[in-house]
Amino acid sequence: MGFLKSLFGLGDQSQNLEIAYPAPDANGAQYQKEALDDLHTGIIPSGYSLAGYLCQKGEKVIFSFNGVTHYCSAVRSEWTGRSAGASVRIAKGFWVRTGANRGHSVQHTAMGEQGGGCLVLTNQGLSFVSKAKSARILLSHILTMSLT
């Protein structure tokens, strides 16, 4: 769960988030525990339904997590460098410059907050649903996951 917590901000309740679906009640919390236990043993649970979420063909909702913050990786570039040389006046309004300019592009990667909503776990992938922005990651595109 550590990867999901860092990528989607699970458990971060300090912000005023848009919640797309109602929070689970005591029965929902019990189902979540049972569903996670089944997943840990390799069984795909099938008793959960999420009103308003449209599944794709053959897709089943396993569970949803409310109050999730979505973060997205962004790459920003800036130009850094130096110049050296001299300008020589040849005539009025005419200058000749000699020297060099050495610079290069520096890229920085940062995680930017995209908003809050609901993380839906299905048998085909993870979907983040909110009023402002949605995202989907297929399970076939996930290489590794840490559940710590």
N, C-alpha and C. Protein backbone atom coordinates (compact mmCIF):
# COMPACT_ATOMS: atom_id res chain seq x y z
N MET A 1 0.82 -1.19 0.00
CA MET A 1 0.00 0.00 0.00
C MET A 1 0.86 1.26 0.00
N GLY A 2 2.16 1.14 0.34
CA GLY A 2 3.02 2.31 0.41
C GLY A 2 3.10 3.05 -0.91
N PHE A 3 3.19 2.29 -2.02
CA PHE A 3 3.24 2.91 -3.34
C PHE A 3 1.96 3.67 -3.63
N LEU A 4 0.82 3.02 -3.33
CA LEU A 4 -0.47 3.68 -3.57
C LEU A 4 -0.63 4.90 -2.68
N LYS A 5 -0.15 4.80 -1.44
CA LYS A 5 -0.25 5.95 -0.54
C LYS A 5 0.55 7.13 -1.05
N SER A 6 1.74 6.85 -1.60
CA SER A 6 2.55 7.96 -2.08
C SER A 6 2.05 8.49 -3.42
N LEU A 7 1.58 7.61 -4.31
CA LEU A 7 1.13 8.05 -5.63
C LEU A 7 -0.21 8.75 -5.56
N PHE A 8 -1.14 8.21 -4.80
CA PHE A 8 -2.48 8.76 -4.77
C PHE A 8 -2.81 9.50 -3.47
N GLY A 9 -1.89 9.58 -2.51
CA GLY A 9 -2.12 10.33 -1.28
C GLY A 9 -3.16 9.70 -0.38
N LEU A 10 -3.18 8.35 -0.29
CA LEU A 10 -4.14 7.69 0.57
C LEU A 10 -3.93 8.11 2.02
N GLY A 11 -5.00 8.38 2.72
CA GLY A 11 -4.93 8.72 4.12
C GLY A 11 -4.64 10.19 4.38
N ASP A 12 -4.44 10.99 3.36
CA ASP A 12 -4.18 12.42 3.53
C ASP A 12 -5.51 13.15 3.65
N GLN A 13 -5.97 13.36 4.86
CA GLN A 13 -7.27 13.97 5.11
C GLN A 13 -7.15 15.43 5.51
N SER A 14 -5.95 16.01 5.40
CA SER A 14 -5.73 17.36 5.87
C SER A 14 -6.28 18.42 4.92
N GLN A 15 -6.65 18.02 3.70
CA GLN A 15 -7.12 18.99 2.72
C GLN A 15 -8.62 18.83 2.53
N ASN A 16 -9.25 19.86 2.01
CA ASN A 16 -10.66 19.81 1.69
C ASN A 16 -10.80 19.18 0.31
N LEU A 17 -11.16 17.87 0.25
CA LEU A 17 -11.17 17.12 -0.98
C LEU A 17 -12.57 16.97 -1.54
N GLU A 18 -12.68 16.86 -2.86
CA GLU A 18 -13.93 16.53 -3.50
C GLU A 18 -14.10 15.03 -3.42
N ILE A 19 -15.19 14.54 -2.85
CA ILE A 19 -15.43 13.11 -2.76
C ILE A 19 -16.50 12.76 -3.78
N ALA A 20 -16.16 11.88 -4.73
CA ALA A 20 -17.08 11.53 -5.80
C ALA A 20 -18.15 10.55 -5.33
N TYR A 21 -17.86 9.71 -4.35
CA TYR A 21 -18.78 8.70 -3.88
C TYR A 21 -18.87 8.76 -2.36
N PRO A 22 -19.97 8.29 -1.78
CA PRO A 22 -20.09 8.34 -0.31
C PRO A 22 -19.09 7.43 0.37
N ALA A 23 -18.72 7.78 1.60
CA ALA A 23 -17.76 7.00 2.38
C ALA A 23 -18.40 5.67 2.80
N PRO A 24 -17.60 4.59 2.88
CA PRO A 24 -18.16 3.29 3.27
C PRO A 24 -18.59 3.29 4.73
N ASP A 25 -19.67 2.57 5.01
CA ASP A 25 -20.14 2.43 6.38
C ASP A 25 -19.39 1.27 7.05
N ALA A 26 -19.87 0.81 8.22
CA ALA A 26 -19.20 -0.27 8.93
C ALA A 26 -19.18 -1.54 8.11
N ASN A 27 -20.28 -1.83 7.37
CA ASN A 27 -20.30 -3.02 6.52
C ASN A 27 -19.29 -2.89 5.38
N GLY A 28 -19.14 -1.69 4.83
CA GLY A 28 -18.16 -1.45 3.78
C GLY A 28 -16.75 -1.65 4.27
N ALA A 29 -16.47 -1.21 5.50
CA ALA A 29 -15.14 -1.39 6.07
C ALA A 29 -14.85 -2.87 6.29
N GLN A 30 -15.86 -3.63 6.71
CA GLN A 30 -15.70 -5.07 6.90
C GLN A 30 -15.45 -5.75 5.54
N TYR A 31 -16.22 -5.31 4.51
CA TYR A 31 -16.02 -5.87 3.19
C TYR A 31 -14.63 -5.55 2.66
N GLN A 32 -14.15 -4.34 2.93
CA GLN A 32 -12.81 -3.95 2.49
C GLN A 32 -11.77 -4.88 3.09
N LYS A 33 -11.90 -5.16 4.37
CA LYS A 33 -10.95 -6.08 5.03
C LYS A 33 -11.01 -7.46 4.39
N GLU A 34 -12.22 -7.97 4.17
CA GLU A 34 -12.38 -9.30 3.56
C GLU A 34 -11.86 -9.31 2.12
N ALA A 35 -12.13 -8.24 1.37
CA ALA A 35 -11.67 -8.16 -0.02
C ALA A 35 -10.15 -8.14 -0.09
N LEU A 36 -9.52 -7.36 0.78
CA LEU A 36 -8.06 -7.30 0.79
C LEU A 36 -7.45 -8.63 1.21
N ASP A 37 -8.10 -9.32 2.16
CA ASP A 37 -7.63 -10.65 2.56
C ASP A 37 -7.75 -11.64 1.39
N ASP A 38 -8.89 -11.59 0.66
CA ASP A 38 -9.06 -12.46 -0.51
C ASP A 38 -8.01 -12.17 -1.57
N LEU A 39 -7.74 -10.88 -1.84
CA LEU A 39 -6.73 -10.52 -2.83
C LEU A 39 -5.35 -11.03 -2.42
N HIS A 40 -5.07 -10.97 -1.13
CA HIS A 40 -3.77 -11.44 -0.63
C HIS A 40 -3.60 -12.93 -0.88
N THR A 41 -4.70 -13.69 -0.85
CA THR A 41 -4.63 -15.13 -1.09
C THR A 41 -4.83 -15.50 -2.56
N GLY A 42 -5.08 -14.49 -3.43
CA GLY A 42 -5.21 -14.76 -4.86
C GLY A 42 -6.63 -14.91 -5.35
N ILE A 43 -7.63 -14.64 -4.52
CA ILE A 43 -9.03 -14.74 -4.90
C ILE A 43 -9.54 -13.34 -5.25
N ILE A 44 -10.24 -13.19 -6.39
CA ILE A 44 -10.82 -11.90 -6.77
C ILE A 44 -12.23 -11.80 -6.20
N PRO A 45 -12.48 -10.89 -5.26
CA PRO A 45 -13.82 -10.75 -4.70
C PRO A 45 -14.78 -10.16 -5.72
N SER A 46 -16.08 -10.49 -5.57
CA SER A 46 -17.04 -10.03 -6.57
C SER A 46 -18.32 -9.48 -5.96
N GLY A 47 -18.36 -9.18 -4.67
CA GLY A 47 -19.61 -8.76 -4.05
C GLY A 47 -19.76 -7.26 -3.86
N TYR A 48 -18.92 -6.45 -4.48
CA TYR A 48 -18.96 -5.01 -4.26
C TYR A 48 -19.53 -4.31 -5.49
N SER A 49 -20.40 -3.34 -5.27
CA SER A 49 -20.92 -2.55 -6.39
C SER A 49 -20.76 -1.08 -6.04
N LEU A 50 -20.46 -0.28 -7.04
CA LEU A 50 -20.24 1.14 -6.86
C LEU A 50 -21.20 1.90 -7.77
N ALA A 51 -22.19 2.55 -7.18
CA ALA A 51 -23.18 3.27 -7.96
C ALA A 51 -22.53 4.44 -8.69
N GLY A 52 -22.80 4.58 -9.97
CA GLY A 52 -22.29 5.69 -10.75
C GLY A 52 -21.00 5.41 -11.48
N TYR A 53 -20.31 4.32 -11.19
CA TYR A 53 -19.07 3.98 -11.88
C TYR A 53 -19.40 3.03 -13.02
N LEU A 54 -19.04 3.39 -14.23
CA LEU A 54 -19.32 2.57 -15.41
C LEU A 54 -18.13 1.67 -15.69
N CYS A 55 -18.34 0.38 -15.54
CA CYS A 55 -17.29 -0.61 -15.79
C CYS A 55 -17.18 -0.90 -17.28
N GLN A 56 -15.98 -1.28 -17.69
CA GLN A 56 -15.78 -1.72 -19.06
C GLN A 56 -16.19 -3.18 -19.17
N LYS A 57 -16.21 -3.71 -20.38
CA LYS A 57 -16.64 -5.08 -20.60
C LYS A 57 -15.75 -6.05 -19.82
N GLY A 58 -16.37 -6.89 -19.01
CA GLY A 58 -15.64 -7.88 -18.22
C GLY A 58 -15.00 -7.34 -16.96
N GLU A 59 -15.20 -6.07 -16.66
CA GLU A 59 -14.58 -5.45 -15.49
C GLU A 59 -15.51 -5.55 -14.29
N LYS A 60 -14.92 -5.82 -13.12
CA LYS A 60 -15.67 -5.89 -11.86
C LYS A 60 -14.98 -5.01 -10.83
N VAL A 61 -15.77 -4.23 -10.10
CA VAL A 61 -15.23 -3.37 -9.06
C VAL A 61 -14.92 -4.23 -7.83
N ILE A 62 -13.70 -4.13 -7.34
CA ILE A 62 -13.31 -4.86 -6.13
C ILE A 62 -13.57 -4.01 -4.90
N PHE A 63 -13.12 -2.75 -4.93
CA PHE A 63 -13.39 -1.83 -3.83
C PHE A 63 -13.03 -0.42 -4.25
N SER A 64 -13.50 0.56 -3.48
CA SER A 64 -13.16 1.96 -3.74
C SER A 64 -12.64 2.60 -2.46
N PHE A 65 -11.72 3.53 -2.61
CA PHE A 65 -11.15 4.27 -1.50
C PHE A 65 -11.50 5.74 -1.70
N ASN A 66 -12.18 6.34 -0.73
CA ASN A 66 -12.59 7.74 -0.83
C ASN A 66 -11.57 8.66 -0.16
N GLY A 67 -11.63 9.94 -0.51
CA GLY A 67 -10.73 10.92 0.09
C GLY A 67 -9.29 10.73 -0.34
N VAL A 68 -9.07 10.42 -1.61
CA VAL A 68 -7.74 10.16 -2.15
C VAL A 68 -7.27 11.39 -2.93
N THR A 69 -6.01 11.76 -2.76
CA THR A 69 -5.43 12.86 -3.51
C THR A 69 -4.60 12.30 -4.65
N HIS A 70 -4.81 12.82 -5.86
CA HIS A 70 -4.10 12.35 -7.05
C HIS A 70 -2.91 13.27 -7.33
N TYR A 71 -1.74 12.67 -7.49
CA TYR A 71 -0.52 13.39 -7.84
C TYR A 71 -0.04 12.92 -9.20
N CYS A 72 0.56 13.82 -9.95
CA CYS A 72 1.08 13.49 -11.27
C CYS A 72 2.52 14.01 -11.38
N SER A 73 3.36 13.22 -12.00
CA SER A 73 4.75 13.60 -12.19
C SER A 73 4.85 14.63 -13.31
N ALA A 74 5.59 15.70 -13.07
CA ALA A 74 5.77 16.75 -14.08
C ALA A 74 7.27 17.04 -14.21
N VAL A 75 7.71 17.23 -15.46
CA VAL A 75 9.12 17.55 -15.73
C VAL A 75 9.19 19.01 -16.16
N ARG A 76 10.04 19.77 -15.48
CA ARG A 76 10.23 21.18 -15.82
C ARG A 76 11.69 21.36 -16.26
N SER A 77 11.89 22.21 -17.27
CA SER A 77 13.23 22.46 -17.80
C SER A 77 13.60 23.92 -17.63
N GLU A 78 14.90 24.16 -17.43
CA GLU A 78 15.42 25.52 -17.41
C GLU A 78 16.80 25.51 -18.05
N TRP A 79 17.19 26.64 -18.60
CA TRP A 79 18.47 26.77 -19.27
C TRP A 79 19.46 27.42 -18.33
N THR A 80 20.59 26.77 -18.12
CA THR A 80 21.64 27.34 -17.28
C THR A 80 22.93 27.37 -18.09
N GLY A 81 23.76 28.33 -17.80
CA GLY A 81 25.03 28.40 -18.52
C GLY A 81 25.76 29.68 -18.20
N ARG A 82 26.80 29.93 -18.99
CA ARG A 82 27.61 31.14 -18.81
C ARG A 82 28.10 31.60 -20.17
N SER A 83 28.51 32.82 -20.20
CA SER A 83 29.10 33.34 -21.43
C SER A 83 30.36 34.11 -21.05
N ALA A 84 31.29 34.14 -21.98
CA ALA A 84 32.55 34.86 -21.76
C ALA A 84 32.98 35.46 -23.08
N GLY A 85 33.64 36.61 -23.03
CA GLY A 85 34.12 37.22 -24.25
C GLY A 85 34.16 38.74 -24.11
N ALA A 86 34.38 39.37 -25.25
CA ALA A 86 34.48 40.82 -25.25
C ALA A 86 33.83 41.38 -26.50
N SER A 87 33.32 42.61 -26.38
CA SER A 87 32.75 43.32 -27.51
C SER A 87 33.70 44.45 -27.89
N VAL A 88 33.97 44.61 -29.18
CA VAL A 88 34.88 45.64 -29.67
C VAL A 88 34.11 46.53 -30.64
N ARG A 89 34.23 47.85 -30.42
CA ARG A 89 33.55 48.80 -31.30
C ARG A 89 34.41 49.05 -32.54
N ILE A 90 33.81 48.80 -33.69
CA ILE A 90 34.50 49.01 -34.96
C ILE A 90 34.17 50.40 -35.50
N ALA A 91 32.92 50.76 -35.48
CA ALA A 91 32.45 52.07 -35.93
C ALA A 91 31.22 52.42 -35.11
N LYS A 92 30.73 53.63 -35.29
CA LYS A 92 29.56 54.06 -34.53
C LYS A 92 28.38 53.13 -34.86
N GLY A 93 27.87 52.47 -33.81
CA GLY A 93 26.73 51.57 -33.96
C GLY A 93 27.10 50.19 -34.47
N PHE A 94 28.39 49.89 -34.64
CA PHE A 94 28.80 48.59 -35.15
C PHE A 94 29.80 47.97 -34.18
N TRP A 95 29.40 46.87 -33.56
CA TRP A 95 30.22 46.17 -32.58
C TRP A 95 30.47 44.75 -33.06
N VAL A 96 31.60 44.20 -32.71
CA VAL A 96 31.93 42.80 -32.99
C VAL A 96 32.16 42.13 -31.65
N ARG A 97 31.51 41.01 -31.49
CA ARG A 97 31.64 40.29 -30.23
C ARG A 97 32.38 38.99 -30.48
N THR A 98 33.36 38.70 -29.61
CA THR A 98 34.07 37.43 -29.64
C THR A 98 33.83 36.75 -28.30
N GLY A 99 33.80 35.47 -28.31
CA GLY A 99 33.61 34.76 -27.05
C GLY A 99 32.81 33.48 -27.27
N ALA A 100 32.32 32.98 -26.18
CA ALA A 100 31.61 31.71 -26.23
C ALA A 100 30.45 31.72 -25.24
N ASN A 101 29.48 30.92 -25.56
CA ASN A 101 28.33 30.72 -24.67
C ASN A 101 28.22 29.23 -24.41
N ARG A 102 28.36 28.86 -23.17
CA ARG A 102 28.25 27.45 -22.81
C ARG A 102 27.07 27.29 -21.87
N GLY A 103 26.14 26.52 -22.29
CA GLY A 103 24.97 26.30 -21.45
C GLY A 103 24.35 24.95 -21.75
N HIS A 104 23.43 24.58 -20.91
CA HIS A 104 22.74 23.31 -21.10
C HIS A 104 21.38 23.37 -20.40
N SER A 105 20.51 22.49 -20.81
CA SER A 105 19.18 22.40 -20.23
C SER A 105 19.22 21.51 -18.99
N VAL A 106 18.60 21.96 -17.92
CA VAL A 106 18.51 21.18 -16.68
C VAL A 106 17.05 20.85 -16.45
N GLN A 107 16.76 19.57 -16.25
CA GLN A 107 15.38 19.14 -16.04
C GLN A 107 15.16 18.75 -14.58
N HIS A 108 14.00 19.14 -14.05
CA HIS A 108 13.62 18.82 -12.68
C HIS A 108 12.29 18.08 -12.72
N THR A 109 12.17 17.00 -11.97
CA THR A 109 10.93 16.26 -11.89
C THR A 109 10.30 16.52 -10.53
N ALA A 110 9.00 16.83 -10.54
CA ALA A 110 8.29 17.10 -9.30
C ALA A 110 6.90 16.48 -9.38
N MET A 111 6.33 16.17 -8.22
CA MET A 111 4.98 15.64 -8.15
C MET A 111 4.02 16.80 -7.92
N GLY A 112 3.07 16.97 -8.82
CA GLY A 112 2.09 18.04 -8.73
C GLY A 112 0.73 17.49 -8.35
N GLU A 113 0.04 18.13 -7.43
CA GLU A 113 -1.28 17.69 -6.99
C GLU A 113 -2.32 17.99 -8.07
N GLN A 114 -3.12 16.99 -8.43
CA GLN A 114 -4.14 17.13 -9.46
C GLN A 114 -5.54 17.28 -8.88
N GLY A 115 -5.74 16.96 -7.61
CA GLY A 115 -7.06 17.09 -6.99
C GLY A 115 -7.41 15.88 -6.16
N GLY A 116 -8.58 15.90 -5.56
CA GLY A 116 -9.03 14.82 -4.70
C GLY A 116 -10.23 14.12 -5.29
N GLY A 117 -10.44 12.86 -4.88
CA GLY A 117 -11.57 12.10 -5.39
C GLY A 117 -11.60 10.70 -4.83
N CYS A 118 -11.91 9.75 -5.69
CA CYS A 118 -12.13 8.36 -5.30
C CYS A 118 -11.22 7.45 -6.13
N LEU A 119 -10.52 6.52 -5.47
CA LEU A 119 -9.68 5.54 -6.14
C LEU A 119 -10.47 4.24 -6.22
N VAL A 120 -10.71 3.74 -7.43
CA VAL A 120 -11.50 2.54 -7.64
C VAL A 120 -10.57 1.42 -8.09
N LEU A 121 -10.58 0.32 -7.34
CA LEU A 121 -9.77 -0.86 -7.65
C LEU A 121 -10.68 -1.87 -8.34
N THR A 122 -10.32 -2.26 -9.58
CA THR A 122 -11.09 -3.25 -10.32
C THR A 122 -10.18 -4.42 -10.68
N ASN A 123 -10.78 -5.45 -11.29
CA ASN A 123 -9.97 -6.60 -11.71
C ASN A 123 -9.13 -6.28 -12.94
N GLN A 124 -9.34 -5.09 -13.56
CA GLN A 124 -8.55 -4.71 -14.74
C GLN A 124 -7.59 -3.56 -14.48
N GLY A 125 -7.78 -2.80 -13.41
CA GLY A 125 -6.89 -1.68 -13.16
C GLY A 125 -7.31 -0.81 -12.01
N LEU A 126 -6.62 0.32 -11.89
CA LEU A 126 -6.92 1.34 -10.90
C LEU A 126 -7.46 2.56 -11.63
N SER A 127 -8.54 3.13 -11.12
CA SER A 127 -9.11 4.33 -11.71
C SER A 127 -9.25 5.39 -10.64
N PHE A 128 -8.83 6.60 -10.96
CA PHE A 128 -9.04 7.74 -10.08
C PHE A 128 -10.17 8.56 -10.69
N VAL A 129 -11.22 8.82 -9.89
CA VAL A 129 -12.40 9.52 -10.39
C VAL A 129 -12.63 10.77 -9.54
N SER A 130 -12.74 11.92 -10.19
CA SER A 130 -13.11 13.15 -9.50
C SER A 130 -13.90 14.02 -10.47
N LYS A 131 -14.44 15.10 -9.96
CA LYS A 131 -15.21 16.01 -10.81
C LYS A 131 -14.30 16.74 -11.79
N ALA A 132 -13.08 17.02 -11.38
CA ALA A 132 -12.17 17.81 -12.21
C ALA A 132 -11.35 16.95 -13.18
N LYS A 133 -10.81 15.83 -12.71
CA LYS A 133 -9.88 15.06 -13.53
C LYS A 133 -9.96 13.59 -13.17
N SER A 134 -9.84 12.73 -14.15
CA SER A 134 -9.85 11.29 -13.92
C SER A 134 -8.63 10.67 -14.58
N ALA A 135 -8.21 9.53 -14.06
CA ALA A 135 -7.05 8.81 -14.60
C ALA A 135 -7.28 7.32 -14.43
N ARG A 136 -6.65 6.52 -15.30
CA ARG A 136 -6.80 5.07 -15.24
C ARG A 136 -5.45 4.43 -15.52
N ILE A 137 -5.10 3.43 -14.70
CA ILE A 137 -3.87 2.66 -14.89
C ILE A 137 -4.28 1.20 -15.00
N LEU A 138 -3.98 0.57 -16.13
CA LEU A 138 -4.29 -0.85 -16.30
C LEU A 138 -3.31 -1.68 -15.48
N LEU A 139 -3.80 -2.79 -14.94
CA LEU A 139 -2.92 -3.66 -14.15
C LEU A 139 -1.77 -4.20 -14.99
N SER A 140 -1.99 -4.39 -16.28
CA SER A 140 -0.92 -4.89 -17.16
C SER A 140 0.21 -3.87 -17.32
N HIS A 141 -0.02 -2.60 -16.97
CA HIS A 141 1.01 -1.56 -17.08
C HIS A 141 1.77 -1.35 -15.77
N ILE A 142 1.36 -2.00 -14.69
CA ILE A 142 2.04 -1.87 -13.40
C ILE A 142 3.13 -2.92 -13.32
N LEU A 143 4.37 -2.47 -13.14
CA LEU A 143 5.50 -3.40 -13.09
C LEU A 143 5.72 -3.95 -11.69
N THR A 144 5.74 -3.09 -10.68
CA THR A 144 5.96 -3.53 -9.30
C THR A 144 5.05 -2.72 -8.38
N MET A 145 4.80 -3.28 -7.21
CA MET A 145 3.99 -2.60 -6.21
C MET A 145 4.47 -3.04 -4.83
N SER A 146 4.59 -2.09 -3.94
CA SER A 146 4.98 -2.36 -2.57
C SER A 146 3.79 -2.19 -1.66
N LEU A 147 3.43 -3.23 -0.95
CA LEU A 147 2.28 -3.19 -0.05
C LEU A 147 2.75 -3.10 1.40
N THR A 148 3.47 -2.04 1.73
CA THR A 148 3.96 -1.89 3.12
C THR A 148 3.25 -0.76 3.80
